[in-house]
Amino acid sequence: MIRDIAFLIVLSLSVGFMLGLLMAPQSGAKSRKTLLIKLKDFLDKGKFTLLEARVIGEGILEKSKERVGEVSHRLKDKKES
C-alpha cells in the first residue's frame, strides 16, 4: 500500500515536471534538449547511487561473513571444551 502511494507520488511529480518543461515559454527544440539533459543527469545520479549502494552492501556482507566465522569458531571451541 505504501509502495503504491510512493509510486503514485513519484509518477505524479515526474509527469508534472515534464509537462512544466514542455509548456515552458521556450522553443520545442530547446525544451526537448533541456529535458534530455535533465533526464541524462537523473539517470547518471541513479546509476551512481546504485553502484554506491552495491559497494556498501558488499562491505556489509563481508563484515557479516567475518563475524559469522568468529562466532562459529567460538561456538566450536566451547563445544570442544
PDB file of N, CA and C in Angstrom:
ATOM      1  N   MET A   1       0.820  -1.188   0.000  1.00  0.00           N
ATOM      2  CA  MET A   1       0.000   0.000   0.000  1.00  0.00           C
ATOM      3  C   MET A   1       0.867   1.256   0.000  1.00  0.00           C
ATOM      4  N   ILE A   2       1.857   1.298   0.917  1.00  0.00           N
ATOM      5  CA  ILE A   2       2.742   2.458   0.986  1.00  0.00           C
ATOM      6  C   ILE A   2       3.571   2.552  -0.290  1.00  0.00           C
ATOM      7  N   ARG A   3       3.972   1.396  -0.823  1.00  0.00           N
ATOM      8  CA  ARG A   3       4.743   1.376  -2.055  1.00  0.00           C
ATOM      9  C   ARG A   3       3.928   1.948  -3.207  1.00  0.00           C
ATOM     10  N   ASP A   4       2.641   1.618  -3.249  1.00  0.00           N
ATOM     11  CA  ASP A   4       1.755   2.138  -4.297  1.00  0.00           C
ATOM     12  C   ASP A   4       1.617   3.649  -4.194  1.00  0.00           C
ATOM     13  N   ILE A   5       1.477   4.141  -2.980  1.00  0.00           N
ATOM     14  CA  ILE A   5       1.340   5.581  -2.773  1.00  0.00           C
ATOM     15  C   ILE A   5       2.630   6.294  -3.173  1.00  0.00           C
ATOM     16  N   ALA A   6       3.772   5.735  -2.765  1.00  0.00           N
ATOM     17  CA  ALA A   6       5.062   6.337  -3.122  1.00  0.00           C
ATOM     18  C   ALA A   6       5.241   6.346  -4.638  1.00  0.00           C
ATOM     19  N   PHE A   7       4.862   5.259  -5.297  1.00  0.00           N
ATOM     20  CA  PHE A   7       4.966   5.187  -6.760  1.00  0.00           C
ATOM     21  C   PHE A   7       4.103   6.258  -7.410  1.00  0.00           C
ATOM     22  N   LEU A   8       2.881   6.425  -6.922  1.00  0.00           N
ATOM     23  CA  LEU A   8       1.983   7.433  -7.495  1.00  0.00           C
ATOM     24  C   LEU A   8       2.518   8.848  -7.280  1.00  0.00           C
ATOM     25  N   ILE A   9       3.127   9.089  -6.140  1.00  0.00           N
ATOM     26  CA  ILE A   9       3.706  10.409  -5.876  1.00  0.00           C
ATOM     27  C   ILE A   9       4.854  10.682  -6.835  1.00  0.00           C
ATOM     28  N   VAL A  10       5.759   9.714  -6.982  1.00  0.00           N
ATOM     29  CA  VAL A  10       6.896   9.882  -7.889  1.00  0.00           C
ATOM     30  C   VAL A  10       6.409  10.041  -9.325  1.00  0.00           C
ATOM     31  N   LEU A  11       5.446   9.248  -9.720  1.00  0.00           N
ATOM     32  CA  LEU A  11       4.900   9.345 -11.070  1.00  0.00           C
ATOM     33  C   LEU A  11       4.268  10.710 -11.303  1.00  0.00           C
ATOM     34  N   SER A  12       3.492  11.187 -10.353  1.00  0.00           N
ATOM     35  CA  SER A  12       2.842  12.491 -10.481  1.00  0.00           C
ATOM     36  C   SER A  12       3.861  13.618 -10.584  1.00  0.00           C
ATOM     37  N   LEU A  13       4.890  13.554  -9.741  1.00  0.00           N
ATOM     38  CA  LEU A  13       5.933  14.574  -9.794  1.00  0.00           C
ATOM     39  C   LEU A  13       6.665  14.553 -11.128  1.00  0.00           C
ATOM     40  N   SER A  14       6.955  13.364 -11.625  1.00  0.00           N
ATOM     41  CA  SER A  14       7.651  13.235 -12.908  1.00  0.00           C
ATOM     42  C   SER A  14       6.817  13.792 -14.054  1.00  0.00           C
ATOM     43  N   VAL A  15       5.560  13.430 -14.082  1.00  0.00           N
ATOM     44  CA  VAL A  15       4.671  13.906 -15.145  1.00  0.00           C
ATOM     45  C   VAL A  15       4.527  15.428 -15.060  1.00  0.00           C
ATOM     46  N   GLY A  16       4.348  15.952 -13.857  1.00  0.00           N
ATOM     47  CA  GLY A  16       4.240  17.393 -13.681  1.00  0.00           C
ATOM     48  C   GLY A  16       5.490  18.123 -14.110  1.00  0.00           C
ATOM     49  N   PHE A  17       6.643  17.553 -13.793  1.00  0.00           N
ATOM     50  CA  PHE A  17       7.916  18.143 -14.196  1.00  0.00           C
ATOM     51  C   PHE A  17       8.032  18.187 -15.716  1.00  0.00           C
ATOM     52  N   MET A  18       7.733  17.067 -16.358  1.00  0.00           N
ATOM     53  CA  MET A  18       7.833  17.010 -17.820  1.00  0.00           C
ATOM     54  C   MET A  18       6.838  17.952 -18.491  1.00  0.00           C
ATOM     55  N   LEU A  19       5.628  17.996 -17.984  1.00  0.00           N
ATOM     56  CA  LEU A  19       4.637  18.913 -18.552  1.00  0.00           C
ATOM     57  C   LEU A  19       5.064  20.364 -18.370  1.00  0.00           C
ATOM     58  N   GLY A  20       5.636  20.664 -17.221  1.00  0.00           N
ATOM     59  CA  GLY A  20       6.135  22.016 -16.980  1.00  0.00           C
ATOM     60  C   GLY A  20       7.214  22.407 -17.965  1.00  0.00           C
ATOM     61  N   LEU A  21       8.097  21.476 -18.258  1.00  0.00           N
ATOM     62  CA  LEU A  21       9.143  21.761 -19.243  1.00  0.00           C
ATOM     63  C   LEU A  21       8.564  21.912 -20.647  1.00  0.00           C
ATOM     64  N   LEU A  22       7.607  21.060 -20.963  1.00  0.00           N
ATOM     65  CA  LEU A  22       7.025  21.122 -22.304  1.00  0.00           C
ATOM     66  C   LEU A  22       6.185  22.372 -22.511  1.00  0.00           C
ATOM     67  N   MET A  23       5.581  22.890 -21.454  1.00  0.00           N
ATOM     68  CA  MET A  23       4.731  24.078 -21.563  1.00  0.00           C
ATOM     69  C   MET A  23       5.505  25.376 -21.327  1.00  0.00           C
ATOM     70  N   ALA A  24       6.790  25.266 -21.087  1.00  0.00           N
ATOM     71  CA  ALA A  24       7.608  26.445 -20.812  1.00  0.00           C
ATOM     72  C   ALA A  24       7.651  27.351 -22.048  1.00  0.00           C
ATOM     73  N   PRO A  25       7.878  28.639 -21.828  1.00  0.00           N
ATOM     74  CA  PRO A  25       7.918  29.573 -22.954  1.00  0.00           C
ATOM     75  C   PRO A  25       9.241  29.515 -23.725  1.00  0.00           C
ATOM     76  N   GLN A  26       9.619  28.322 -24.114  1.00  0.00           N
ATOM     77  CA  GLN A  26      10.819  28.119 -24.921  1.00  0.00           C
ATOM     78  C   GLN A  26      10.405  27.404 -26.191  1.00  0.00           C
ATOM     79  N   SER A  27      11.316  27.366 -27.128  1.00  0.00           N
ATOM     80  CA  SER A  27      11.017  26.618 -28.347  1.00  0.00           C
ATOM     81  C   SER A  27      10.976  25.130 -28.015  1.00  0.00           C
ATOM     82  N   GLY A  28      10.285  24.375 -28.829  1.00  0.00           N
ATOM     83  CA  GLY A  28      10.168  22.934 -28.595  1.00  0.00           C
ATOM     84  C   GLY A  28      11.511  22.242 -28.603  1.00  0.00           C
ATOM     85  N   ALA A  29      12.378  22.637 -29.525  1.00  0.00           N
ATOM     86  CA  ALA A  29      13.699  22.005 -29.617  1.00  0.00           C
ATOM     87  C   ALA A  29      14.511  22.262 -28.353  1.00  0.00           C
ATOM     88  N   LYS A  30      14.466  23.501 -27.861  1.00  0.00           N
ATOM     89  CA  LYS A  30      15.223  23.826 -26.658  1.00  0.00           C
ATOM     90  C   LYS A  30      14.654  23.099 -25.445  1.00  0.00           C
ATOM     91  N   SER A  31      13.326  23.002 -25.364  1.00  0.00           N
ATOM     92  CA  SER A  31      12.691  22.292 -24.257  1.00  0.00           C
ATOM     93  C   SER A  31      13.048  20.814 -24.278  1.00  0.00           C
ATOM     94  N   ARG A  32      13.025  20.203 -25.463  1.00  0.00           N
ATOM     95  CA  ARG A  32      13.385  18.780 -25.569  1.00  0.00           C
ATOM     96  C   ARG A  32      14.847  18.566 -25.200  1.00  0.00           C
ATOM     97  N   LYS A  33      15.701  19.474 -25.637  1.00  0.00           N
ATOM     98  CA  LYS A  33      17.126  19.360 -25.309  1.00  0.00           C
ATOM     99  C   LYS A  33      17.320  19.463 -23.796  1.00  0.00           C
ATOM    100  N   THR A  34      16.645  20.425 -23.174  1.00  0.00           N
ATOM    101  CA  THR A  34      16.726  20.590 -21.721  1.00  0.00           C
ATOM    102  C   THR A  34      16.212  19.348 -21.005  1.00  0.00           C
ATOM    103  N   LEU A  35      15.101  18.821 -21.484  1.00  0.00           N
ATOM    104  CA  LEU A  35      14.520  17.622 -20.889  1.00  0.00           C
ATOM    105  C   LEU A  35      15.477  16.443 -21.000  1.00  0.00           C
ATOM    106  N   LEU A  36      16.102  16.264 -22.150  1.00  0.00           N
ATOM    107  CA  LEU A  36      17.046  15.160 -22.333  1.00  0.00           C
ATOM    108  C   LEU A  36      18.271  15.313 -21.435  1.00  0.00           C
ATOM    109  N   ILE A  37      18.756  16.525 -21.284  1.00  0.00           N
ATOM    110  CA  ILE A  37      19.912  16.760 -20.413  1.00  0.00           C
ATOM    111  C   ILE A  37      19.553  16.433 -18.964  1.00  0.00           C
ATOM    112  N   LYS A  38      18.399  16.904 -18.516  1.00  0.00           N
ATOM    113  CA  LYS A  38      17.973  16.634 -17.130  1.00  0.00           C
ATOM    114  C   LYS A  38      17.720  15.146 -16.908  1.00  0.00           C
ATOM    115  N   LEU A  39      17.146  14.494 -17.914  1.00  0.00           N
ATOM    116  CA  LEU A  39      16.899  13.058 -17.805  1.00  0.00           C
ATOM    117  C   LEU A  39      18.217  12.288 -17.729  1.00  0.00           C
ATOM    118  N   LYS A  40      19.195  12.690 -18.544  1.00  0.00           N
ATOM    119  CA  LYS A  40      20.501  12.031 -18.527  1.00  0.00           C
ATOM    120  C   LYS A  40      21.171  12.228 -17.164  1.00  0.00           C
ATOM    121  N   ASP A  41      21.102  13.443 -16.632  1.00  0.00           N
ATOM    122  CA  ASP A  41      21.669  13.703 -15.308  1.00  0.00           C
ATOM    123  C   ASP A  41      20.987  12.850 -14.240  1.00  0.00           C
ATOM    124  N   PHE A  42      19.664  12.764 -14.317  1.00  0.00           N
ATOM    125  CA  PHE A  42      18.900  11.958 -13.362  1.00  0.00           C
ATOM    126  C   PHE A  42      19.319  10.488 -13.440  1.00  0.00           C
ATOM    127  N   LEU A  43      19.456   9.971 -14.655  1.00  0.00           N
ATOM    128  CA  LEU A  43      19.865   8.571 -14.826  1.00  0.00           C
ATOM    129  C   LEU A  43      21.289   8.339 -14.329  1.00  0.00           C
ATOM    130  N   ASP A  44      22.183   9.289 -14.596  1.00  0.00           N
ATOM    131  CA  ASP A  44      23.562   9.162 -14.128  1.00  0.00           C
ATOM    132  C   ASP A  44      23.619   9.137 -12.602  1.00  0.00           C
ATOM    133  N   LYS A  45      22.848  10.016 -11.964  1.00  0.00           N
ATOM    134  CA  LYS A  45      22.815  10.034 -10.500  1.00  0.00           C
ATOM    135  C   LYS A  45      22.238   8.725  -9.962  1.00  0.00           C
ATOM    136  N   GLY A  46      21.226   8.199 -10.638  1.00  0.00           N
ATOM    137  CA  GLY A  46      20.630   6.930 -10.215  1.00  0.00           C
ATOM    138  C   GLY A  46      21.614   5.780 -10.328  1.00  0.00           C
ATOM    139  N   LYS A  47      22.351   5.741 -11.440  1.00  0.00           N
ATOM    140  CA  LYS A  47      23.355   4.685 -11.625  1.00  0.00           C
ATOM    141  C   LYS A  47      24.442   4.785 -10.565  1.00  0.00           C
ATOM    142  N   PHE A  48      24.883   6.009 -10.286  1.00  0.00           N
ATOM    143  CA  PHE A  48      25.916   6.209  -9.269  1.00  0.00           C
ATOM    144  C   PHE A  48      25.418   5.759  -7.898  1.00  0.00           C
ATOM    145  N   THR A  49      24.181   6.110  -7.580  1.00  0.00           N
ATOM    146  CA  THR A  49      23.604   5.734  -6.293  1.00  0.00           C
ATOM    147  C   THR A  49      23.506   4.215  -6.163  1.00  0.00           C
ATOM    148  N   LEU A  50      23.092   3.547  -7.239  1.00  0.00           N
ATOM    149  CA  LEU A  50      23.011   2.083  -7.202  1.00  0.00           C
ATOM    150  C   LEU A  50      24.389   1.459  -7.030  1.00  0.00           C
ATOM    151  N   LEU A  51      25.381   1.997  -7.723  1.00  0.00           N
ATOM    152  CA  LEU A  51      26.746   1.486  -7.594  1.00  0.00           C
ATOM    153  C   LEU A  51      27.261   1.685  -6.167  1.00  0.00           C
ATOM    154  N   GLU A  52      26.998   2.862  -5.622  1.00  0.00           N
ATOM    155  CA  GLU A  52      27.406   3.160  -4.249  1.00  0.00           C
ATOM    156  C   GLU A  52      26.730   2.209  -3.257  1.00  0.00           C
ATOM    157  N   ALA A  53      25.445   1.958  -3.454  1.00  0.00           N
ATOM    158  CA  ALA A  53      24.712   1.044  -2.569  1.00  0.00           C
ATOM    159  C   ALA A  53      25.269  -0.369  -2.678  1.00  0.00           C
ATOM    160  N   ARG A  54      25.647  -0.758  -3.885  1.00  0.00           N
ATOM    161  CA  ARG A  54      26.209  -2.101  -4.077  1.00  0.00           C
ATOM    162  C   ARG A  54      27.534  -2.242  -3.333  1.00  0.00           C
ATOM    163  N   VAL A  55      28.397  -1.236  -3.442  1.00  0.00           N
ATOM    164  CA  VAL A  55      29.688  -1.282  -2.755  1.00  0.00           C
ATOM    165  C   VAL A  55      29.483  -1.345  -1.244  1.00  0.00           C
ATOM    166  N   ILE A  56      28.583  -0.527  -0.733  1.00  0.00           N
ATOM    167  CA  ILE A  56      28.303  -0.535   0.705  1.00  0.00           C
ATOM    168  C   ILE A  56      27.729  -1.888   1.121  1.00  0.00           C
ATOM    169  N   GLY A  57      26.822  -2.434   0.314  1.00  0.00           N
ATOM    170  CA  GLY A  57      26.226  -3.737   0.617  1.00  0.00           C
ATOM    171  C   GLY A  57      27.260  -4.853   0.632  1.00  0.00           C
ATOM    172  N   GLU A  58      28.194  -4.807  -0.324  1.00  0.00           N
ATOM    173  CA  GLU A  58      29.244  -5.826  -0.360  1.00  0.00           C
ATOM    174  C   GLU A  58      30.128  -5.734   0.883  1.00  0.00           C
ATOM    175  N   GLY A  59      30.409  -4.502   1.327  1.00  0.00           N
ATOM    176  CA  GLY A  59      31.199  -4.322   2.543  1.00  0.00           C
ATOM    177  C   GLY A  59      30.490  -4.892   3.759  1.00  0.00           C
ATOM    178  N   ILE A  60      29.209  -4.627   3.853  1.00  0.00           N
ATOM    179  CA  ILE A  60      28.417  -5.158   4.977  1.00  0.00           C
ATOM    180  C   ILE A  60      28.389  -6.678   4.924  1.00  0.00           C
ATOM    181  N   LEU A  61      28.242  -7.237   3.731  1.00  0.00           N
ATOM    182  CA  LEU A  61      28.218  -8.695   3.582  1.00  0.00           C
ATOM    183  C   LEU A  61      29.543  -9.310   4.028  1.00  0.00           C
ATOM    184  N   GLU A  62      30.654  -8.703   3.636  1.00  0.00           N
ATOM    185  CA  GLU A  62      31.961  -9.233   4.033  1.00  0.00           C
ATOM    186  C   GLU A  62      32.139  -9.176   5.559  1.00  0.00           C
ATOM    187  N   LYS A  63      31.767  -8.052   6.160  1.00  0.00           N
ATOM    188  CA  LYS A  63      31.884  -7.936   7.620  1.00  0.00           C
ATOM    189  C   LYS A  63      30.990  -8.963   8.318  1.00  0.00           C
ATOM    190  N   SER A  64      29.813  -9.194   7.758  1.00  0.00           N
ATOM    191  CA  SER A  64      28.891 -10.173   8.341  1.00  0.00           C
ATOM    192  C   SER A  64      29.475 -11.575   8.255  1.00  0.00           C
ATOM    193  N   LYS A  65      30.075 -11.905   7.115  1.00  0.00           N
ATOM    194  CA  LYS A  65      30.693 -13.228   6.957  1.00  0.00           C
ATOM    195  C   LYS A  65      31.821 -13.417   7.962  1.00  0.00           C
ATOM    196  N   GLU A  66      32.637 -12.372   8.142  1.00  0.00           N
ATOM    197  CA  GLU A  66      33.729 -12.457   9.110  1.00  0.00           C
ATOM    198  C   GLU A  66      33.179 -12.670  10.515  1.00  0.00           C
ATOM    199  N   ARG A  67      32.147 -11.943  10.846  1.00  0.00           N
ATOM    200  CA  ARG A  67      31.541 -12.036  12.181  1.00  0.00           C
ATOM    201  C   ARG A  67      30.953 -13.428  12.400  1.00  0.00           C
ATOM    202  N   VAL A  68      30.302 -13.977  11.389  1.00  0.00           N
ATOM    203  CA  VAL A  68      29.735 -15.321  11.492  1.00  0.00           C
ATOM    204  C   VAL A  68      30.852 -16.335  11.708  1.00  0.00           C
ATOM    205  N   GLY A  69      31.955 -16.154  10.987  1.00  0.00           N
ATOM    206  CA  GLY A  69      33.096 -17.048  11.170  1.00  0.00           C
ATOM    207  C   GLY A  69      33.645 -16.998  12.583  1.00  0.00           C
ATOM    208  N   GLU A  70      33.752 -15.796  13.136  1.00  0.00           N
ATOM    209  CA  GLU A  70      34.241 -15.644  14.513  1.00  0.00           C
ATOM    210  C   GLU A  70      33.307 -16.326  15.509  1.00  0.00           C
ATOM    211  N   VAL A  71      32.026 -16.095  15.372  1.00  0.00           N
ATOM    212  CA  VAL A  71      31.050 -16.692  16.287  1.00  0.00           C
ATOM    213  C   VAL A  71      31.061 -18.208  16.138  1.00  0.00           C
ATOM    214  N   SER A  72      31.177 -18.687  14.918  1.00  0.00           N
ATOM    215  CA  SER A  72      31.220 -20.128  14.669  1.00  0.00           C
ATOM    216  C   SER A  72      32.429 -20.760  15.354  1.00  0.00           C
ATOM    217  N   HIS A  73      33.580 -20.098  15.252  1.00  0.00           N
ATOM    218  CA  HIS A  73      34.784 -20.604  15.916  1.00  0.00           C
ATOM    219  C   HIS A  73      34.596 -20.653  17.427  1.00  0.00           C
ATOM    220  N   ARG A  74      34.015 -19.605  17.984  1.00  0.00           N
ATOM    221  CA  ARG A  74      33.786 -19.568  19.428  1.00  0.00           C
ATOM    222  C   ARG A  74      32.867 -20.699  19.877  1.00  0.00           C
ATOM    223  N   LEU A  75      31.814 -20.928  19.103  1.00  0.00           N
ATOM    224  CA  LEU A  75      30.877 -21.999  19.455  1.00  0.00           C
ATOM    225  C   LEU A  75      31.532 -23.366  19.356  1.00  0.00           C
ATOM    226  N   LYS A  76      32.362 -23.574  18.340  1.00  0.00           N
ATOM    227  CA  LYS A  76      33.074 -24.854  18.197  1.00  0.00           C
ATOM    228  C   LYS A  76      34.040 -25.052  19.363  1.00  0.00           C
ATOM    229  N   ASP A  77      34.742 -23.957  19.743  1.00  0.00           N
ATOM    230  CA  ASP A  77      35.692 -24.064  20.855  1.00  0.00           C
ATOM    231  C   ASP A  77      34.974 -24.385  22.166  1.00  0.00           C
ATOM    232  N   LYS A  78      33.805 -23.771  22.379  1.00  0.00           N
ATOM    233  CA  LYS A  78      33.040 -24.063  23.612  1.00  0.00           C
ATOM    234  C   LYS A  78      32.518 -25.480  23.605  1.00  0.00           C
ATOM    235  N   LYS A  79      32.142 -25.974  22.442  1.00  0.00           N
ATOM    236  CA  LYS A  79      31.600 -27.331  22.330  1.00  0.00           C
ATOM    237  C   LYS A  79      32.689 -28.354  22.626  1.00  0.00           C
ATOM    238  N   GLU A  80      33.906 -28.052  22.160  1.00  0.00           N
ATOM    239  CA  GLU A  80      35.033 -28.974  22.375  1.00  0.00           C
ATOM    240  C   GLU A  80      35.517 -28.956  23.818  1.00  0.00           C
ATOM    241  N   SER A  81      35.280 -27.860  24.524  1.00  0.00           N
ATOM    242  CA  SER A  81      35.777 -27.733  25.914  1.00  0.00           C
ATOM    243  C   SER A  81      34.983 -28.550  26.895  1.00  0.00           C
TER     244      SER A  81
END
